[in-house]
Protein backbone atom coordinates (compact mmCIF):
# COMPACT_ATOMS: atom_id res chain seq x y z
CA MET A 1 -83.25 -59.16 -95.29
CA PRO A 2 -85.34 -60.94 -92.58
CA ASP A 3 -85.24 -59.33 -89.15
CA GLY A 4 -82.53 -60.81 -86.94
CA ILE A 5 -80.25 -62.21 -89.66
CA VAL A 6 -77.08 -60.18 -90.08
CA HIS A 7 -74.31 -60.64 -92.65
CA TYR A 8 -70.81 -59.18 -92.41
CA TYR A 9 -67.29 -59.83 -93.68
CA CYS A 10 -64.53 -60.99 -91.28
CA GLU A 11 -61.23 -59.45 -92.34
CA SER A 12 -59.20 -61.95 -90.31
CA CYS A 13 -60.42 -65.22 -91.87
CA LYS A 14 -61.54 -63.53 -95.12
CA SER A 15 -65.02 -65.04 -95.00
CA ARG A 16 -68.61 -63.83 -95.20
CA ARG A 17 -70.27 -64.48 -91.85
CA GLN A 18 -73.93 -64.77 -90.85
CA THR A 19 -75.24 -64.37 -87.31
CA VAL A 20 -78.75 -64.30 -85.86
CA ILE A 21 -79.92 -61.61 -83.44
CA LEU A 22 -83.16 -62.28 -81.59
CA PRO A 23 -85.60 -59.36 -82.15
CA ASP A 24 -86.84 -59.36 -78.52
CA ILE A 25 -83.29 -59.16 -77.19
CA HIS A 26 -82.37 -56.49 -79.73
CA SER A 27 -85.35 -54.34 -78.68
CA ILE A 28 -84.25 -54.51 -75.04
CA ASN A 29 -80.66 -53.65 -75.93
CA LEU A 30 -81.76 -50.73 -78.16
CA ALA A 31 -83.82 -49.28 -75.30
CA ALA A 32 -80.66 -49.20 -73.16
CA SER A 33 -78.48 -47.77 -75.95
CA ALA A 34 -77.65 -44.08 -75.95
CA ASN A 35 -76.99 -43.88 -79.70
CA GLY A 36 -79.31 -46.50 -81.22
CA ILE A 37 -76.39 -48.87 -81.85
CA VAL A 38 -75.90 -52.25 -80.12
CA VAL A 39 -72.68 -54.27 -80.15
CA TYR A 40 -72.83 -58.07 -80.51
CA SER A 41 -69.86 -60.45 -80.41
CA ASP A 42 -69.59 -63.19 -83.04
CA ILE A 43 -67.24 -65.87 -81.68
CA HIS A 44 -66.35 -68.18 -84.56
CA THR A 45 -63.70 -70.52 -85.88
CA CYS A 46 -61.41 -68.06 -87.60
CA ARG A 47 -57.95 -68.00 -89.14
CA ASP A 48 -55.88 -71.19 -88.67
CA GLY A 49 -58.82 -72.97 -87.03
CA ILE A 50 -58.54 -70.84 -83.88
CA LEU A 51 -61.45 -68.98 -82.33
CA GLY A 52 -61.83 -65.33 -83.32
CA VAL A 53 -64.12 -62.56 -82.10
CA SER A 54 -65.75 -59.89 -84.25
CA ASN A 55 -67.74 -57.16 -82.51
CA ILE A 56 -70.57 -56.13 -84.84
CA HIS A 57 -72.28 -52.74 -84.38
CA ILE A 58 -75.97 -53.08 -85.32
CA ASP A 59 -78.61 -50.34 -85.66
CA THR A 60 -82.41 -50.47 -85.26
CA ASN A 61 -82.86 -51.88 -88.78
CA TYR A 62 -80.28 -54.66 -88.28
CA ALA A 63 -77.82 -52.84 -90.53
CA VAL A 64 -74.12 -53.34 -89.78
CA ARG A 65 -72.62 -49.95 -88.87
CA GLY A 66 -69.16 -51.22 -88.02
CA VAL A 67 -67.08 -54.36 -87.36
CA GLU A 68 -64.12 -54.61 -84.99
CA TYR A 69 -61.94 -57.73 -84.86
CA LEU A 70 -60.56 -58.26 -81.35
CA HIS A 71 -56.97 -59.27 -80.68
CA LEU A 72 -54.55 -58.95 -77.80
CA PRO A 73 -51.92 -56.21 -77.79
CA LYS A 74 -48.39 -57.14 -78.78
CA SER A 75 -46.06 -58.23 -76.02
CA ALA A 76 -44.39 -55.18 -74.48
CA ILE A 77 -41.23 -57.24 -73.94
CA LEU A 78 -40.98 -58.13 -77.61
CA LEU A 79 -41.62 -54.54 -78.66
CA GLN A 80 -38.63 -53.41 -76.59
CA GLU A 81 -36.40 -56.08 -78.14
CA GLN A 82 -37.13 -55.33 -81.81
CA GLU A 83 -35.69 -51.83 -82.11
CA ALA A 84 -34.40 -52.51 -85.61
CA PHE A 85 -37.93 -53.22 -86.81
CA ALA A 86 -39.18 -49.69 -85.98
CA VAL A 87 -42.46 -50.84 -84.43
CA PRO A 88 -44.30 -48.03 -82.62
CA VAL A 89 -44.59 -48.39 -78.83
CA PRO A 90 -47.67 -47.00 -77.03
CA SER A 91 -47.01 -43.47 -75.77
CA SER A 92 -48.18 -44.30 -72.26
CA PRO A 93 -47.78 -47.67 -70.49
CA ASN A 94 -50.94 -46.87 -68.53
CA LEU A 95 -53.18 -46.97 -71.60
CA VAL A 96 -55.56 -49.91 -71.26
CA LYS A 97 -56.92 -51.75 -74.29
CA ASN A 98 -60.52 -52.84 -73.64
CA LEU A 99 -61.80 -55.99 -75.33
CA PRO A 100 -65.58 -56.31 -74.70
CA ILE A 101 -67.29 -59.63 -75.55
CA THR A 102 -71.08 -59.68 -75.19
CA ASP A 103 -71.72 -63.45 -75.04
CA LEU A 104 -69.12 -66.10 -74.32
CA ILE A 105 -71.63 -68.99 -74.40
CA PRO A 106 -74.96 -68.48 -76.23
CA GLY A 107 -77.96 -68.56 -73.91
CA MET A 108 -75.84 -68.41 -70.75
CA ASN A 109 -75.26 -65.29 -68.65
CA VAL A 110 -71.50 -65.26 -67.98
CA ARG A 111 -69.97 -62.11 -66.46
CA PHE A 112 -66.36 -61.43 -65.51
CA ILE A 113 -63.45 -59.14 -66.31
CA TYR A 114 -59.88 -60.30 -66.89
CA LYS A 115 -57.25 -57.60 -66.27
CA ASN A 116 -53.67 -58.01 -67.46
CA LEU A 117 -51.56 -55.48 -65.57
CA THR A 118 -48.36 -56.31 -67.48
CA TYR A 119 -49.64 -55.82 -71.03
CA HIS A 120 -52.36 -53.29 -70.11
CA TYR A 121 -55.52 -54.84 -71.46
CA GLU A 122 -58.91 -55.96 -70.14
CA ILE A 123 -61.27 -58.62 -71.48
CA LYS A 124 -64.84 -57.94 -70.36
CA ILE A 125 -67.24 -60.85 -70.77
CA GLY A 126 -70.98 -60.15 -70.62
CA SER A 127 -72.98 -57.08 -69.62
CA ILE A 128 -71.21 -55.36 -66.71
CA GLN A 129 -72.12 -51.85 -65.57
CA LYS A 130 -69.75 -49.49 -63.76
CA ASN A 131 -71.37 -49.88 -60.31
CA ASP A 132 -72.09 -53.63 -60.45
CA PRO A 133 -70.65 -55.32 -57.33
CA VAL A 134 -67.70 -57.69 -57.76
CA LEU A 135 -68.42 -61.03 -56.06
CA TYR A 136 -64.86 -62.40 -56.16
CA THR A 137 -61.46 -61.16 -57.25
CA VAL A 138 -59.00 -63.90 -58.24
CA PRO A 139 -55.34 -62.84 -58.66
CA SER A 140 -52.75 -64.80 -60.59
CA PRO A 141 -49.85 -66.31 -58.59
CA SER A 142 -47.54 -63.44 -59.59
CA GLY A 143 -50.16 -60.74 -59.01
CA ASN A 144 -49.66 -59.37 -62.55
CA SER A 145 -53.21 -60.22 -63.64
CA LEU A 146 -56.56 -60.86 -62.03
CA MET A 147 -60.13 -61.88 -62.76
CA GLU A 148 -63.15 -60.06 -61.32
CA TYR A 149 -66.18 -62.34 -61.09
CA TYR A 150 -69.75 -60.98 -61.12
CA GLU A 151 -73.10 -62.57 -60.35
CA CYS A 152 -74.14 -64.79 -63.29
CA ASP A 153 -75.33 -68.27 -64.28
CA ILE A 154 -71.98 -69.90 -63.39
CA GLU A 155 -71.50 -70.59 -59.70
CA PHE A 156 -68.05 -69.63 -58.43
CA THR A 157 -66.66 -72.62 -56.53
CA PRO A 158 -63.18 -73.50 -55.15
CA TRP A 159 -62.78 -75.80 -58.16
CA MET A 160 -63.61 -72.88 -60.49
CA GLN A 161 -61.06 -70.69 -58.71
CA LYS A 162 -58.35 -73.34 -59.12
CA ASN A 163 -58.89 -73.57 -62.87
CA VAL A 164 -59.24 -69.82 -63.37
CA VAL A 165 -55.89 -69.37 -61.61
CA THR A 166 -54.39 -72.03 -63.91
CA ILE A 167 -55.54 -70.08 -66.94
CA LEU A 168 -54.28 -66.77 -65.54
CA ASP A 169 -50.92 -68.29 -64.69
CA HIS A 170 -50.28 -69.65 -68.17
CA MET A 171 -51.59 -66.56 -69.91
CA GLU A 172 -48.89 -64.56 -68.14
CA ASP A 173 -46.00 -66.93 -68.66
CA ASN A 174 -46.40 -67.72 -72.34
CA PRO A 175 -47.01 -64.73 -74.59
CA PRO A 176 -47.46 -64.44 -77.54
CA ILE A 177 -50.92 -65.96 -77.49
CA ARG A 178 -54.11 -65.42 -79.43
CA LEU A 179 -57.33 -64.24 -77.80
CA GLY A 180 -59.11 -67.33 -79.16
CA PHE A 181 -56.92 -69.61 -77.01
CA ILE A 182 -58.08 -67.78 -73.87
CA LEU A 183 -61.72 -68.02 -74.89
CA GLU A 184 -61.46 -71.70 -75.77
CA ALA A 185 -59.86 -72.45 -72.40
CA LEU A 186 -62.55 -70.48 -70.53
CA ILE A 187 -65.38 -72.12 -72.49
CA HIS A 188 -63.83 -75.52 -71.80
CA VAL A 189 -63.65 -74.83 -68.04
CA LEU A 190 -67.23 -73.55 -67.88
CA ASP A 191 -68.55 -76.40 -70.01
CA LYS A 192 -66.75 -79.25 -68.23
CA GLY A 193 -67.69 -78.11 -64.73
CA GLU A 194 -66.45 -80.21 -61.83
CA THR A 195 -65.56 -83.09 -64.19
CA LEU A 196 -62.41 -81.28 -65.36
CA GLU A 197 -59.35 -83.44 -64.74
CA GLU A 198 -55.58 -83.04 -64.73
CA PRO A 199 -55.17 -83.84 -68.48
CA ASP A 200 -57.54 -80.93 -69.22
CA ILE A 201 -55.27 -78.57 -67.27
CA ARG A 202 -52.23 -79.95 -69.11
CA ALA A 203 -54.01 -79.34 -72.40
CA MET A 204 -54.68 -75.70 -71.51
CA ALA A 205 -51.08 -75.21 -70.43
CA ASP A 206 -49.74 -76.70 -73.67
CA MET A 207 -52.19 -74.64 -75.72
CA PHE A 208 -50.87 -71.40 -74.24
CA CYS A 209 -47.21 -72.24 -74.92
CA SER A 210 -47.91 -73.98 -78.25
CA HIS A 211 -45.58 -71.60 -80.07
CA LYS A 212 -42.66 -73.26 -78.21
CA ILE A 213 -43.68 -76.94 -78.36
CA GLN A 214 -42.30 -79.11 -81.12
CA VAL A 215 -44.18 -82.21 -82.31
CA GLN A 216 -42.04 -85.09 -83.54
CA LEU A 217 -42.79 -88.63 -84.73
CA VAL A 218 -41.14 -91.44 -82.81
CA ASP A 219 -39.00 -93.65 -85.05
CA GLN A 220 -41.70 -95.80 -86.68
CA SER A 221 -42.80 -96.10 -90.27
CA VAL A 222 -45.83 -93.97 -91.11
CA ASP A 223 -47.63 -97.01 -92.57
CA ASP A 224 -47.21 -98.93 -89.28
CA ILE A 225 -48.49 -95.92 -87.30
CA LEU A 226 -51.57 -95.52 -89.49
CA GLU A 227 -52.31 -99.23 -89.19
CA LYS A 228 -52.11 -99.05 -85.36
CA ILE A 229 -54.46 -96.08 -85.29
CA GLY A 230 -56.96 -97.75 -87.62
CA GLU A 231 -57.06 -100.87 -85.42
CA LYS A 232 -57.37 -99.06 -82.08
CA PHE A 233 -59.86 -96.21 -82.65
CA ASP A 234 -63.28 -95.59 -84.18
CA ASP A 235 -63.41 -94.12 -87.69
CA ASN A 236 -64.03 -90.52 -86.56
CA LEU A 237 -61.11 -90.30 -84.11
CA ALA A 238 -58.87 -92.42 -86.33
CA SER A 239 -59.48 -90.02 -89.22
CA THR A 240 -58.41 -87.03 -87.10
CA LEU A 241 -55.31 -88.81 -85.76
CA LYS A 242 -54.31 -89.85 -89.28
CA LEU A 243 -54.55 -86.23 -90.45
CA ILE A 244 -52.22 -85.21 -87.62
CA ILE A 245 -49.72 -87.97 -88.48
CA ALA A 246 -49.81 -87.07 -92.17
CA ASP A 247 -49.07 -83.42 -91.39
CA ILE A 248 -46.24 -84.23 -88.98
CA SER A 249 -44.68 -86.68 -91.47
CA ILE A 250 -44.52 -83.89 -94.08
CA ASN A 251 -43.21 -81.31 -91.58
CA PRO A 252 -41.19 -83.45 -89.11
CA GLU A 253 -40.11 -80.66 -86.75
CA GLN A 254 -43.03 -78.29 -86.80
CA LEU A 255 -44.42 -76.45 -83.80
CA LEU A 256 -47.68 -77.34 -82.09
CA ILE A 257 -49.20 -74.00 -83.16
CA ASP A 258 -48.78 -75.13 -86.80
CA LEU A 259 -51.25 -77.99 -86.24
CA ALA A 260 -54.05 -75.68 -85.11
CA GLY A 261 -55.73 -75.58 -88.52
CA ILE A 262 -56.13 -79.36 -88.85
CA LYS A 263 -59.38 -79.40 -86.92
CA PRO A 264 -61.18 -76.67 -84.94
CA GLY A 265 -60.73 -76.98 -81.19
CA PHE A 266 -57.16 -76.73 -79.96
CA ILE A 267 -57.88 -78.51 -76.66
CA LYS A 268 -59.42 -81.48 -78.50
CA LEU A 269 -56.37 -81.55 -80.76
CA LEU A 270 -54.12 -81.73 -77.69
CA PHE A 271 -56.07 -84.63 -76.23
CA ASN A 272 -55.54 -86.45 -79.51
CA LEU A 273 -51.81 -85.74 -79.30
CA TYR A 274 -51.74 -87.08 -75.72
CA ILE A 275 -53.25 -90.31 -77.07
CA LEU A 276 -50.51 -90.52 -79.71
CA GLN A 277 -47.86 -89.73 -77.10
CA LYS A 278 -49.15 -92.51 -74.82
CA MET A 279 -48.89 -94.93 -77.77
CA ASP A 280 -45.22 -93.85 -78.27
CA ILE A 281 -46.09 -92.42 -81.69
CA VAL A 282 -45.21 -88.75 -81.08
CA ASN A 283 -43.09 -86.70 -78.72
CA LEU A 284 -44.02 -83.21 -77.48
CA ARG A 285 -41.02 -81.20 -76.36
CA LYS A 286 -40.50 -77.57 -75.46
CA VAL A 287 -37.86 -75.78 -77.52
CA GLU A 288 -36.04 -72.49 -77.13
CA ILE A 289 -36.87 -69.90 -79.77
CA GLU A 290 -34.60 -67.05 -80.85
CA MET A 291 -35.98 -63.54 -80.30
CA LYS A 292 -36.38 -62.89 -84.05
CA GLU A 293 -38.50 -66.04 -84.44
CA GLU A 294 -40.49 -65.08 -81.32
CA ILE A 295 -41.29 -61.74 -82.93
CA ARG A 296 -42.44 -63.46 -86.15
CA LEU A 297 -44.72 -65.76 -84.18
CA GLN A 298 -46.05 -62.82 -82.17
CA ASN A 299 -47.03 -61.04 -85.38
CA SER A 300 -48.56 -64.17 -86.94
CA LEU A 301 -50.78 -64.79 -83.90
CA LEU A 302 -52.41 -61.36 -83.97
């Protein structure tokens, strides 16, 4: 096996993955390792077309010594409600689940920690040592979660704070949610920079509560809808929109989360749905879900 090319199997999406580790970077990381093992995060399109994260433990010879798939803990509220299902509850509410991710965006030094005080977990992005100074601490509106921001390649601006708070707010209000949704929203914010607009924020909000949003076709024939799409959009976008329409026509009252696998990139999918909504082709509406169904969705998202 050539140096730097690592193969492993992702248990979540049941696929054989390949990732490249730069030898110079690996040498530096090995020098700082106490046990000769370095952890690298492989962020990839995983099950249902949603981002997933596998932490791969690599030794000096680029051999895989372990793989850990990261996911958020189950909602404590749902665990309390499903007594009949005999699901074990953590022995101490103060136990914190740590979810380290080495690189959020390849080639860019991004460093922050998200702390969820309600569900007792932390997501640590980038290389952060115990005594590194925190530049900014951003709490959510309720105070139940916060983000600690460290010196890195991304400048922390008032605009950045506004969008980070938006993400924190919706992460709290709409569990269950998959870790990949959080990462996609964060990558989107960092990538778009100051050009991020209100529809982007709407898209992130809808993504986080997608397990409660129903997608319905407005009363038009499918043939008429497909013809409208073909006339209005270029072939690439029209093809994606037609896939969405075809799926909704087969499953007329499905949830937004069920459309995730049509094309990777949930935020892009939502923008496409906004286009269809503006054309009076689909409706997006929030629905109430019974606790038993909420539990099923919680389990399916992990």
